[in-house]
C-alpha cells in the first residue's frame, strides 16, 4: 500500500504541474503530472508539428 508523503502544485499561466511523492514497502516513488495542455504541446514538438 502506498502512502502519500508530500504533494506540490506549481501553477503557471498555461499549465499546472503536480509533483507527488509516495512511500510504500521501503521505496519512495515520485510522480510528476503535467496538465494536458503542456503534454499536447510537447507531443506536437516531438512529431515535428508547429
Protein backbone atom coordinates (compact mmCIF):
# COMPACT_ATOMS: atom_id res chain seq x y z
CA UNK A 1 0.00 0.00 0.00
CA UNK A 2 1.27 3.44 -0.91
CA UNK A 3 1.12 6.42 1.41
CA UNK A 4 1.25 9.98 0.15
CA UNK A 5 4.36 11.63 1.56
CA UNK A 6 4.04 15.10 0.04
CA UNK A 7 2.43 16.89 -2.88
CA UNK A 8 3.45 20.09 -4.62
CA UNK A 9 1.30 22.01 -7.06
CA UNK A 10 3.01 24.54 -9.29
CA UNK A 11 0.67 26.85 -11.17
CA UNK A 12 1.83 28.54 -14.35
CA UNK A 13 -0.30 30.66 -16.71
CA UNK A 14 -0.61 27.91 -19.32
CA UNK A 15 -0.31 24.69 -17.35
CA UNK A 16 -0.30 23.14 -13.91
CA UNK A 17 2.49 20.89 -12.68
CA UNK A 18 1.73 18.46 -9.88
CA UNK A 19 4.53 16.59 -8.11
CA UNK A 20 3.74 13.99 -5.52
CA UNK A 21 5.84 11.53 -3.56
CA UNK A 22 4.54 8.19 -2.37
CA UNK A 23 6.14 5.87 0.18
CA UNK A 24 5.44 2.16 0.25
CA UNK A 25 7.21 -1.13 1.01
CA UNK A 26 10.56 0.54 1.68
CA UNK A 27 10.73 2.53 -1.52
CA UNK A 28 9.82 6.06 -2.48
CA UNK A 29 8.18 6.84 -5.78
CA UNK A 30 7.87 10.36 -7.13
CA UNK A 31 5.21 11.10 -9.71
CA UNK A 32 5.01 14.18 -11.85
CA UNK A 33 1.75 15.05 -13.50
CA UNK A 34 1.66 17.72 -16.17
CA UNK A 35 -1.53 19.42 -17.22
CA UNK A 36 -2.91 18.22 -20.56
CA UNK A 37 -2.09 21.43 -22.44
CA UNK A 38 1.64 21.04 -21.87
CA UNK A 39 1.53 17.32 -22.65
CA UNK A 40 -0.12 18.02 -26.04
CA UNK A 41 2.40 20.80 -26.71
CA UNK A 42 5.37 18.51 -26.04
CA UNK A 43 3.88 15.71 -28.13
CA UNK A 44 3.37 18.09 -31.06
CA UNK A 45 7.01 19.15 -30.91
CA UNK A 46 8.12 15.51 -30.98
CA UNK A 47 6.01 14.93 -34.08
CA UNK A 48 7.70 17.89 -35.74
CA UNK A 49 4.49 19.89 -36.00
CA UNK A 50 4.18 23.56 -35.28
